[in-house]
């Protein structure tokens, strides 16, 4: 009876054999039990999108509030007298401001990764892989594109202010992301695609009119 039992996984590996695949019914049931429902995923995605938009707007608002506070403190907010060079350099997007932003982003990322690794180790789980091969080219390219877009956004906010520029950037991001979903991933089809196209045209037109109102 003992010899009729299947050999353990370690023995199979030593012999150069592969272990038999798990039962499809067991695998699908376990996956369905662990995977969140569509409603939960939709709510989590919506919450993450709202948080991303809100925090992005707050980021630019904090920059303008800080710059205005420093200008009032030294008495150059009315434009009658030029601001000192140290104040101009503190909020120079093409200078120390972007450099400090990069240091802060790197520090926050390192802290989050260390916290995630520590939580996994304390729970007795395997830490997540860094996927260095993927990050070498696609990840670096994505980071360069995001950093360039963030730099352009900060320059635009300094010139046009929060009320118009942030709305314009968010609208462009919304339409561009939607275009990727429609053209590349084919997420929207049929009448839903027609409705999305009308909504995108309405969004772009509203942003253009908003820019004229600012001028």
Protein backbone atom coordinates (compact mmCIF):
# COMPACT_ATOMS: atom_id res chain seq x y z
CA UNK A 1 0.00 0.00 0.00
CA UNK A 2 2.81 2.35 0.79
CA UNK A 3 4.53 1.72 -2.54
CA UNK A 4 1.33 2.52 -4.41
CA UNK A 5 1.28 6.07 -3.10
CA UNK A 6 2.63 8.79 -5.43
CA UNK A 7 6.18 9.97 -4.60
CA UNK A 8 6.53 13.33 -2.86
CA UNK A 9 7.29 16.49 -4.80
CA UNK A 10 10.94 16.61 -3.68
CA UNK A 11 11.55 13.07 -4.98
CA UNK A 12 9.96 13.93 -8.32
CA UNK A 13 12.20 16.96 -8.69
CA UNK A 14 15.31 14.91 -7.90
CA UNK A 15 14.33 12.43 -10.60
CA UNK A 16 13.86 15.23 -13.10
CA UNK A 17 10.11 14.67 -13.26
CA UNK A 18 7.39 17.26 -12.98
CA UNK A 19 4.70 17.08 -10.36
CA UNK A 20 1.18 16.44 -11.66
CA UNK A 21 -0.85 19.62 -12.11
CA UNK A 22 -3.52 20.38 -9.52
CA UNK A 23 -7.10 19.57 -10.21
CA UNK A 24 -8.76 22.25 -12.40
CA UNK A 25 -11.82 22.29 -10.17
CA UNK A 26 -9.72 22.88 -7.06
CA UNK A 27 -7.65 25.59 -8.73
CA UNK A 28 -10.66 27.48 -10.05
CA UNK A 29 -12.49 27.25 -6.74
CA UNK A 30 -9.50 28.51 -4.81
CA UNK A 31 -8.97 31.35 -7.29
CA UNK A 32 -12.62 32.34 -7.14
CA UNK A 33 -12.53 32.27 -3.35
CA UNK A 34 -9.45 34.48 -3.16
CA UNK A 35 -10.23 36.91 -6.00
CA UNK A 36 -12.42 39.90 -5.07
CA UNK A 37 -15.74 40.35 -6.78
CA UNK A 38 -16.26 42.69 -9.72
CA UNK A 39 -18.15 45.16 -7.52
CA UNK A 40 -15.34 45.26 -4.95
CA UNK A 41 -12.71 45.79 -7.65
CA UNK A 42 -14.80 48.54 -9.23
CA UNK A 43 -15.20 50.32 -5.90
CA UNK A 44 -11.49 50.01 -5.12
CA UNK A 45 -10.60 51.34 -8.56
CA UNK A 46 -13.01 54.26 -8.18
CA UNK A 47 -11.64 55.10 -4.74
CA UNK A 48 -8.06 54.98 -6.03
CA UNK A 49 -8.95 57.20 -9.00
CA UNK A 50 -10.69 59.76 -6.75
CA UNK A 51 -7.75 59.74 -4.36
CA UNK A 52 -5.27 60.20 -7.20
CA UNK A 53 -7.14 63.16 -8.67
CA UNK A 54 -7.77 64.83 -5.32
CA UNK A 55 -4.22 64.44 -4.03
CA UNK A 56 -2.76 65.62 -7.34
CA UNK A 57 -4.84 68.80 -7.16
CA UNK A 58 -3.87 69.32 -3.51
CA UNK A 59 -0.21 68.95 -4.46
CA UNK A 60 -0.36 71.89 -6.86
CA UNK A 61 -2.48 73.89 -4.41
CA UNK A 62 0.14 73.45 -1.69
CA UNK A 63 2.84 74.71 -4.07
CA UNK A 64 0.90 77.87 -4.87
CA UNK A 65 -0.06 78.47 -1.24
CA UNK A 66 3.55 78.09 -0.12
CA UNK A 67 4.83 80.41 -2.82
CA UNK A 68 2.19 83.03 -2.02
CA UNK A 69 2.98 82.85 1.68
CA UNK A 70 6.71 83.39 1.12
CA UNK A 71 6.04 86.27 -1.28
CA UNK A 72 3.79 88.01 1.26
CA UNK A 73 6.33 87.43 3.99
CA UNK A 74 9.08 89.29 2.12
CA UNK A 75 6.67 91.87 0.67
CA UNK A 76 6.97 91.07 -3.04
CA UNK A 77 3.48 89.66 -3.60
CA UNK A 78 2.09 92.88 -5.12
CA UNK A 79 4.70 93.01 -7.86
CA UNK A 80 5.95 96.45 -6.85
CA UNK A 81 9.33 95.09 -5.80
CA UNK A 82 11.14 92.07 -7.24
CA UNK A 83 11.40 88.99 -5.10
CA UNK A 84 14.84 88.05 -3.76
CA UNK A 85 16.85 85.50 -5.70
CA UNK A 86 16.70 82.90 -2.94
CA UNK A 87 12.89 82.95 -3.04
CA UNK A 88 12.80 82.64 -6.81
CA UNK A 89 15.19 79.69 -6.65
CA UNK A 90 13.18 77.93 -3.94
CA UNK A 91 10.20 77.63 -6.30
CA UNK A 92 12.15 77.32 -9.54
CA UNK A 93 10.66 74.30 -11.30
CA UNK A 94 13.75 73.91 -13.48
CA UNK A 95 16.11 74.22 -10.52
CA UNK A 96 16.23 73.16 -6.90
CA UNK A 97 12.48 72.54 -6.66
CA UNK A 98 12.50 69.59 -9.05
CA UNK A 99 15.71 68.23 -7.53
CA UNK A 100 14.19 68.26 -4.05
CA UNK A 101 10.99 66.72 -5.42
CA UNK A 102 13.02 63.84 -6.84
CA UNK A 103 14.78 63.28 -3.52
CA UNK A 104 11.45 63.24 -1.70
CA UNK A 105 9.89 60.82 -4.19
CA UNK A 106 12.86 58.47 -3.93
CA UNK A 107 12.74 58.59 -0.13
CA UNK A 108 9.02 57.89 0.05
CA UNK A 109 9.36 54.99 -2.40
CA UNK A 110 12.20 53.48 -0.37
CA UNK A 111 10.22 53.75 2.88
CA UNK A 112 7.15 52.14 1.31
CA UNK A 113 9.20 49.28 -0.15
CA UNK A 114 10.93 48.65 3.19
CA UNK A 115 7.57 48.67 4.97
CA UNK A 116 6.14 46.20 2.45
CA UNK A 117 9.16 43.89 2.70
CA UNK A 118 9.02 44.04 6.50
CA UNK A 119 5.30 43.25 6.60
CA UNK A 120 5.78 40.26 4.29
CA UNK A 121 8.69 38.92 6.34
CA UNK A 122 6.82 39.31 9.62
CA UNK A 123 3.86 37.46 8.13
CA UNK A 124 6.13 34.63 7.03
CA UNK A 125 5.52 35.32 3.36
CA UNK A 126 7.94 35.76 0.47
CA UNK A 127 8.81 39.43 -0.23
CA UNK A 128 7.66 40.72 -3.61
CA UNK A 129 10.07 40.59 -6.51
CA UNK A 130 11.53 43.85 -7.83
CA UNK A 131 11.18 42.61 -11.44
CA UNK A 132 14.45 44.25 -12.45
CA UNK A 133 14.25 42.98 -16.03
CA UNK A 134 10.88 44.62 -16.51
CA UNK A 135 11.96 47.80 -14.74
CA UNK A 136 15.17 48.14 -16.76
CA UNK A 137 13.53 49.41 -19.95
CA UNK A 138 9.72 49.64 -19.69
CA UNK A 139 9.79 50.79 -16.07
CA UNK A 140 12.51 53.37 -16.69
CA UNK A 141 10.69 54.66 -19.77
CA UNK A 142 7.46 54.99 -17.79
CA UNK A 143 9.31 56.88 -15.06
CA UNK A 144 10.92 59.28 -17.53
CA UNK A 145 7.57 59.98 -19.20
CA UNK A 146 5.84 60.54 -15.86
CA UNK A 147 8.62 62.84 -14.59
CA UNK A 148 8.52 64.87 -17.80
CA UNK A 149 4.74 65.18 -17.57
CA UNK A 150 4.97 66.23 -13.92
CA UNK A 151 7.59 68.85 -14.80
CA UNK A 152 5.37 70.25 -17.56
CA UNK A 153 2.43 70.27 -15.17
CA UNK A 154 4.29 72.28 -12.53
CA UNK A 155 5.45 74.78 -15.15
CA UNK A 156 1.89 75.14 -16.44
CA UNK A 157 0.42 75.62 -12.97
CA UNK A 158 2.90 78.39 -12.20
CA UNK A 159 1.87 80.19 -15.37
CA UNK A 160 -1.89 79.63 -15.40
CA UNK A 161 -2.87 78.81 -11.83
CA UNK A 162 -4.81 75.94 -10.32
CA UNK A 163 -8.34 76.83 -11.39
CA UNK A 164 -7.72 76.32 -15.11
CA UNK A 165 -4.49 74.41 -15.60
CA UNK A 166 -5.22 71.54 -13.20
CA UNK A 167 -8.64 71.05 -14.79
CA UNK A 168 -7.06 71.07 -18.24
CA UNK A 169 -4.38 68.55 -17.29
CA UNK A 170 -6.90 66.24 -15.64
CA UNK A 171 -9.19 66.39 -18.66
CA UNK A 172 -6.35 65.62 -21.06
CA UNK A 173 -5.28 62.69 -18.88
CA UNK A 174 -8.86 61.43 -18.81
CA UNK A 175 -9.29 61.57 -22.58
CA UNK A 176 -5.82 60.15 -23.30
CA UNK A 177 -6.31 57.22 -20.93
CA UNK A 178 -9.70 56.60 -22.47
CA UNK A 179 -8.22 56.59 -25.96
CA UNK A 180 -5.72 53.93 -24.92
CA UNK A 181 -8.53 51.86 -23.46
CA UNK A 182 -10.64 52.23 -26.59
CA UNK A 183 -8.00 51.84 -29.31
CA UNK A 184 -5.51 49.42 -27.76
CA UNK A 185 -7.41 47.40 -25.15
CA UNK A 186 -10.86 47.55 -26.82
CA UNK A 187 -12.52 48.10 -23.46
CA UNK A 188 -15.49 50.02 -24.90
CA UNK A 189 -17.51 48.92 -27.91
CA UNK A 190 -20.83 49.52 -29.60
CA UNK A 191 -23.10 52.23 -28.25
CA UNK A 192 -20.86 52.61 -25.21
CA UNK A 193 -18.10 53.76 -27.56
CA UNK A 194 -20.43 56.35 -29.11
CA UNK A 195 -21.38 57.67 -25.68
CA UNK A 196 -17.72 57.76 -24.63
CA UNK A 197 -16.79 59.72 -27.77
CA UNK A 198 -19.51 62.29 -27.11
CA UNK A 199 -18.43 62.61 -23.48
CA UNK A 200 -14.78 63.03 -24.50
CA UNK A 201 -15.71 65.73 -27.04
CA UNK A 202 -17.79 67.50 -24.37
CA UNK A 203 -14.87 67.35 -21.94
CA UNK A 204 -12.37 68.77 -24.43
CA UNK A 205 -14.77 71.54 -25.47
CA UNK A 206 -15.45 72.48 -21.85
CA UNK A 207 -11.74 72.71 -21.10
CA UNK A 208 -11.17 74.96 -24.12
CA UNK A 209 -13.99 77.26 -23.03
CA UNK A 210 -12.57 77.29 -19.50
CA UNK A 211 -9.25 78.50 -20.88
CA UNK A 212 -10.97 81.37 -22.73
CA UNK A 213 -12.76 82.33 -19.51
CA UNK A 214 -9.44 82.60 -17.71
CA UNK A 215 -8.03 84.83 -20.43
